[in-house]
Each structure stands twice: as structure tokens, then as C-alpha cells.
Amino acid sequence: MVVVAIVAILVAIAVPAYGSYVQRTKIRMAQGDLLALTVKFEHYRQRTLAYPDATAQADVIADWLPEDGDFHFEADSADAAGYQITATALESLGSAEGCKLTIDSDGDKTSDCPGATWQ
């Protein structure tokens, strides 16, 4: 009985810690995907001398990322001078649902995801 109680206490501590670890890992992966997408956008600019328009942005993102991930990626370019790519956490990310990671053509990065800072 004592052994069962000890195991239950250890599980009660380990499961939330593991869940938090998995969540932080997925947020870090999304940050890496955002950085990779900026490379794709800059490569597009080098080839065409302009950042991708709305249709081309959707194509660049769709070619790079799977649709079944934990984040929804979208790009916004108000003008031809730059872009901003945003990753929004989906329901599968649990308590971080709805948090946003952004990066723009100037390299400015923001995050409101729990425990996620850009490095």
C-alpha cells in the first residue's frame, strides 16, 4: 500500500512536469519553423526582387509546413517592403492555446506564449 502511495505521488508530480516540457518543446519547434519561413521569404525576395504577395505567401507556407501541427501559420504584408509571419497555437497545445509567436522582415520577434522567449 505504501509503495502504491509513493508511486501515485511521483506520478502526480511527473505528469504535469512532462506536459510542460512537451509544450515548451512544441513552442521551440514553432520558433524554428518561423525562422525557416523567414529564410524562404527572403529567398523568394532574392529571386523576384519583391516579398511574396498574399497568394504567394500562402503557397510558401503550405509548401514548408504540414497542416496537422500544433500551430497555425499565416503571413501578412501590408506593403511590398516587408512581411510579418505569425504562428498561433491551436487547441492541441493545451493551456498555451491562442498564444502567438511573430517575426517580421526586420528580424523583430515577439512571443506571448508561456515560458517562451526568443533566443
Protein backbone atom coordinates (compact mmCIF):
# COMPACT_ATOMS: atom_id res chain seq x y z
CA MET A 1 0.00 0.00 0.00
CA VAL A 2 2.87 2.35 0.85
CA VAL A 3 4.53 1.58 -2.47
CA VAL A 4 1.33 2.42 -4.34
CA ALA A 5 1.05 5.73 -2.47
CA ILE A 6 4.65 6.63 -3.29
CA VAL A 7 4.17 5.78 -6.97
CA ALA A 8 0.97 7.85 -7.07
CA ILE A 9 2.78 10.86 -5.58
CA LEU A 10 5.62 10.53 -8.09
CA VAL A 11 3.15 10.29 -10.98
CA ALA A 12 1.26 13.34 -9.69
CA ILE A 13 4.50 15.32 -9.83
CA ALA A 14 5.96 13.88 -13.05
CA VAL A 15 2.96 14.08 -15.39
CA PRO A 16 2.44 17.89 -15.18
CA ALA A 17 6.18 18.48 -15.47
CA TYR A 18 6.33 16.29 -18.56
CA GLY A 19 3.32 18.07 -20.09
CA SER A 20 5.01 21.42 -19.57
CA TYR A 21 8.20 20.10 -21.14
CA VAL A 22 6.32 18.87 -24.22
CA GLN A 23 4.51 22.22 -24.54
CA ARG A 24 7.78 24.20 -24.38
CA THR A 25 9.34 21.86 -26.94
CA LYS A 26 6.46 22.42 -29.39
CA ILE A 27 6.76 26.19 -28.92
CA ARG A 28 10.51 25.98 -29.66
CA MET A 29 9.76 23.95 -32.79
CA ALA A 30 7.32 26.65 -33.94
CA GLN A 31 10.01 29.28 -33.37
CA GLY A 32 12.37 27.25 -35.54
CA ASP A 33 9.70 26.93 -38.22
CA LEU A 34 9.20 30.71 -38.18
CA LEU A 35 12.92 31.26 -38.67
CA ALA A 36 12.94 28.77 -41.54
CA LEU A 37 9.98 30.53 -43.14
CA THR A 38 11.81 33.86 -42.99
CA VAL A 39 14.61 32.23 -44.97
CA LYS A 40 12.05 31.06 -47.55
CA PHE A 41 10.55 34.57 -47.77
CA GLU A 42 13.98 36.17 -48.17
CA HIS A 43 14.88 33.60 -50.82
CA TYR A 44 11.67 34.50 -52.67
CA ARG A 45 12.66 38.17 -52.49
CA GLN A 46 16.11 37.45 -53.90
CA ARG A 47 14.58 35.61 -56.85
CA THR A 48 11.78 38.10 -57.62
CA LEU A 49 13.04 41.37 -56.07
CA ALA A 50 9.81 41.62 -54.04
CA TYR A 51 8.37 39.92 -50.99
CA PRO A 52 5.61 37.45 -51.79
CA ASP A 53 2.06 38.76 -52.14
CA ALA A 54 -0.84 37.14 -50.25
CA THR A 55 -1.24 34.25 -52.69
CA ALA A 56 2.49 33.53 -52.85
CA GLN A 57 2.76 33.75 -49.04
CA ALA A 58 0.12 31.06 -48.63
CA ASP A 59 1.98 28.89 -51.14
CA VAL A 60 5.34 29.37 -49.41
CA ILE A 61 3.84 28.46 -46.02
CA ALA A 62 1.88 25.49 -47.40
CA ASP A 63 4.99 24.12 -49.12
CA TRP A 64 7.02 24.35 -45.92
CA LEU A 65 4.70 23.27 -43.10
CA PRO A 66 2.29 20.41 -42.53
CA GLU A 67 -1.31 21.37 -41.78
CA ASP A 68 -1.67 18.96 -38.88
CA GLY A 69 0.73 20.68 -36.47
CA ASP A 70 0.16 22.43 -33.17
CA PHE A 71 0.36 25.93 -34.67
CA HIS A 72 -1.41 27.78 -37.46
CA PHE A 73 1.00 29.86 -39.55
CA GLU A 74 0.00 32.92 -41.55
CA ALA A 75 1.82 35.83 -43.10
CA ASP A 76 0.82 39.43 -43.50
CA SER A 77 2.43 42.01 -45.72
CA ALA A 78 0.82 45.41 -45.70
CA ASP A 79 3.20 46.54 -48.42
CA ALA A 80 5.97 45.21 -50.61
CA ALA A 81 8.59 46.45 -48.15
CA GLY A 82 8.21 43.63 -45.66
CA TYR A 83 6.20 40.90 -44.02
CA GLN A 84 5.18 39.55 -40.63
CA ILE A 85 4.72 35.84 -40.01
CA THR A 86 2.57 34.74 -37.07
CA ALA A 87 2.24 31.31 -35.51
CA THR A 88 -0.88 30.85 -33.37
CA ALA A 89 -1.11 27.87 -31.00
CA LEU A 90 -4.01 25.54 -31.64
CA GLU A 91 -6.19 23.68 -29.15
CA SER A 92 -3.80 20.71 -29.12
CA LEU A 93 -1.26 22.83 -27.22
CA GLY A 94 -3.47 22.86 -24.11
CA SER A 95 -3.05 25.83 -21.80
CA ALA A 96 -0.97 27.67 -24.41
CA GLU A 97 -3.87 27.66 -26.90
CA GLY A 98 -4.12 31.01 -28.66
CA CYS A 99 -0.64 32.23 -27.80
CA LYS A 100 1.22 33.90 -30.66
CA LEU A 101 4.78 33.96 -31.93
CA THR A 102 5.69 36.55 -34.55
CA ILE A 103 8.69 37.52 -36.62
CA ASP A 104 8.94 40.21 -39.27
CA SER A 105 11.21 41.12 -42.14
CA ASP A 106 13.29 43.37 -39.86
CA GLY A 107 14.03 40.42 -37.59
CA ASP A 108 11.84 41.69 -34.74
CA LYS A 109 10.49 38.76 -32.72
CA THR A 110 7.66 38.68 -30.18
CA SER A 111 6.06 35.96 -28.12
CA ASP A 112 3.20 35.79 -25.66
CA CYS A 113 3.48 32.02 -25.20
CA PRO A 114 4.11 30.85 -21.62
CA GLY A 115 7.76 30.23 -20.90
CA ALA A 116 8.84 31.02 -24.47
CA THR A 117 11.50 33.61 -25.13
CA TRP A 118 13.28 34.05 -28.42
CA GLN A 119 16.98 33.34 -28.42
